[in-house]
Amino acid sequence: MAIRYARSLAHFEERCAVEEALALVEFLRAHPKGKISLATCTSMHAALLQVILAMRPPVTQLPADPLLAALIGAAATADLIPA
């Protein structure tokens, strides 16, 4: 899986595909204060971006890719929070 779940933090790793979207929704519903880390994410399917836009989880780390970081940064509910 490209998204690894640890307690209340979802770690996006490398290429994250559309198949991850439903699991992400379920995780965020089960963990209303859940956060996401995108530090090692290299790309993500638009469905995952839509989940992030809709559910607006706090982002602990942005990805290194500047375009992806800009998209996610625009979607973040607030400034980056500490992990």
C-alpha atoms as a PDB file:
ATOM      1  CA  MET A   1       0.000   0.000   0.000  1.00  0.00           C
ATOM      2  CA  ALA A   2       1.197   3.491  -0.768  1.00  0.00           C
ATOM      3  CA  ILE A   3      -0.452   4.921   2.338  1.00  0.00           C
ATOM      4  CA  ARG A   4       0.725   3.524   5.656  1.00  0.00           C
ATOM      5  CA  TYR A   5      -1.515   4.101   8.661  1.00  0.00           C
ATOM      6  CA  ALA A   6      -0.068   4.497  12.150  1.00  0.00           C
ATOM      7  CA  ARG A   7      -2.473   5.399  14.937  1.00  0.00           C
ATOM      8  CA  SER A   8      -3.857   8.783  13.883  1.00  0.00           C
ATOM      9  CA  LEU A   9      -1.333   9.559  11.129  1.00  0.00           C
ATOM     10  CA  ALA A  10      -1.495   8.524   7.479  1.00  0.00           C
ATOM     11  CA  HIS A  11       1.916   8.435   5.775  1.00  0.00           C
ATOM     12  CA  PHE A  12       1.702   8.879   1.994  1.00  0.00           C
ATOM     13  CA  GLU A  13       4.650   7.040   0.445  1.00  0.00           C
ATOM     14  CA  GLU A  14       5.865   7.456  -3.141  1.00  0.00           C
ATOM     15  CA  ARG A  15       3.099   7.019  -5.758  1.00  0.00           C
ATOM     16  CA  CYS A  16      -0.386   6.940  -4.248  1.00  0.00           C
ATOM     17  CA  ALA A  17      -3.060   5.480  -6.533  1.00  0.00           C
ATOM     18  CA  VAL A  18      -6.825   5.788  -6.787  1.00  0.00           C
ATOM     19  CA  GLU A  19      -7.260   2.472  -4.952  1.00  0.00           C
ATOM     20  CA  GLU A  20      -6.115   4.235  -1.762  1.00  0.00           C
ATOM     21  CA  ALA A  21      -8.958   6.795  -1.731  1.00  0.00           C
ATOM     22  CA  LEU A  22     -11.649   4.736  -0.001  1.00  0.00           C
ATOM     23  CA  ALA A  23      -9.242   3.540   2.707  1.00  0.00           C
ATOM     24  CA  LEU A  24      -8.191   7.158   3.317  1.00  0.00           C
ATOM     25  CA  VAL A  25     -11.828   8.244   3.698  1.00  0.00           C
ATOM     26  CA  GLU A  26     -12.459   5.391   6.135  1.00  0.00           C
ATOM     27  CA  PHE A  27      -9.324   6.260   8.128  1.00  0.00           C
ATOM     28  CA  LEU A  28     -10.260   9.942   8.376  1.00  0.00           C
ATOM     29  CA  ARG A  29     -13.830   9.088   9.396  1.00  0.00           C
ATOM     30  CA  ALA A  30     -12.559   6.706  12.082  1.00  0.00           C
ATOM     31  CA  HIS A  31      -9.970   9.265  13.259  1.00  0.00           C
ATOM     32  CA  PRO A  32     -11.615  12.715  13.149  1.00  0.00           C
ATOM     33  CA  LYS A  33      -8.391  14.283  14.421  1.00  0.00           C
ATOM     34  CA  GLY A  34      -6.274  12.219  12.032  1.00  0.00           C
ATOM     35  CA  LYS A  35      -3.355  13.882  10.264  1.00  0.00           C
ATOM     36  CA  ILE A  36      -1.498  13.183   7.040  1.00  0.00           C
ATOM     37  CA  SER A  37       2.208  13.257   6.249  1.00  0.00           C
ATOM     38  CA  LEU A  38       3.264  13.714   2.637  1.00  0.00           C
ATOM     39  CA  ALA A  39       7.031  13.921   3.166  1.00  0.00           C
ATOM     40  CA  THR A  40       7.826  10.942   0.917  1.00  0.00           C
ATOM     41  CA  CYS A  41       4.884  11.257  -1.480  1.00  0.00           C
ATOM     42  CA  THR A  42       6.058  11.680  -5.086  1.00  0.00           C
ATOM     43  CA  SER A  43       2.639  11.703  -6.777  1.00  0.00           C
ATOM     44  CA  MET A  44      -1.000  11.105  -5.960  1.00  0.00           C
ATOM     45  CA  HIS A  45      -4.154  10.380  -7.906  1.00  0.00           C
ATOM     46  CA  ALA A  46      -6.652  13.241  -8.148  1.00  0.00           C
ATOM     47  CA  ALA A  47      -9.143  11.191  -6.100  1.00  0.00           C
ATOM     48  CA  LEU A  48      -6.812  11.430  -3.107  1.00  0.00           C
ATOM     49  CA  LEU A  49      -6.472  15.173  -3.587  1.00  0.00           C
ATOM     50  CA  GLN A  50     -10.276  15.392  -3.645  1.00  0.00           C
ATOM     51  CA  VAL A  51     -10.496  13.481  -0.361  1.00  0.00           C
ATOM     52  CA  ILE A  52      -7.987  15.886   1.178  1.00  0.00           C
ATOM     53  CA  LEU A  53      -9.931  18.890  -0.151  1.00  0.00           C
ATOM     54  CA  ALA A  54     -13.236  17.505   1.116  1.00  0.00           C
ATOM     55  CA  MET A  55     -12.132  16.264   4.533  1.00  0.00           C
ATOM     56  CA  ARG A  56      -9.369  18.814   5.182  1.00  0.00           C
ATOM     57  CA  PRO A  57      -7.130  16.807   7.515  1.00  0.00           C
ATOM     58  CA  PRO A  58      -4.175  18.606   9.089  1.00  0.00           C
ATOM     59  CA  VAL A  59      -0.956  18.146   7.091  1.00  0.00           C
ATOM     60  CA  THR A  60       2.209  17.538   9.122  1.00  0.00           C
ATOM     61  CA  GLN A  61       4.670  17.586   6.197  1.00  0.00           C
ATOM     62  CA  LEU A  62       4.391  18.649   2.574  1.00  0.00           C
ATOM     63  CA  PRO A  63       5.926  16.655  -0.292  1.00  0.00           C
ATOM     64  CA  ALA A  64       9.239  17.692  -1.844  1.00  0.00           C
ATOM     65  CA  ASP A  65       7.669  18.148  -5.300  1.00  0.00           C
ATOM     66  CA  PRO A  66       6.895  21.896  -5.590  1.00  0.00           C
ATOM     67  CA  LEU A  67       3.721  21.515  -7.671  1.00  0.00           C
ATOM     68  CA  LEU A  68       2.256  18.834  -5.430  1.00  0.00           C
ATOM     69  CA  ALA A  69       3.262  20.833  -2.357  1.00  0.00           C
ATOM     70  CA  ALA A  70       1.490  23.913  -3.751  1.00  0.00           C
ATOM     71  CA  LEU A  71      -1.697  21.947  -4.441  1.00  0.00           C
ATOM     72  CA  ILE A  72      -1.722  20.373  -1.008  1.00  0.00           C
ATOM     73  CA  GLY A  73      -0.686  23.579   0.706  1.00  0.00           C
ATOM     74  CA  ALA A  74      -3.662  25.319  -0.847  1.00  0.00           C
ATOM     75  CA  ALA A  75      -5.911  22.538   0.426  1.00  0.00           C
ATOM     76  CA  ALA A  76      -4.560  22.507   3.977  1.00  0.00           C
ATOM     77  CA  THR A  77      -6.942  23.856   6.598  1.00  0.00           C
ATOM     78  CA  ALA A  78      -4.233  25.712   8.465  1.00  0.00           C
ATOM     79  CA  ASP A  79      -0.499  26.145   8.592  1.00  0.00           C
ATOM     80  CA  LEU A  80       1.550  23.006   8.859  1.00  0.00           C
ATOM     81  CA  ILE A  81       1.363  21.488  12.307  1.00  0.00           C
ATOM     82  CA  PRO A  82       4.049  19.606  14.169  1.00  0.00           C
ATOM     83  CA  ALA A  83       3.862  15.810  13.945  1.00  0.00           C
END
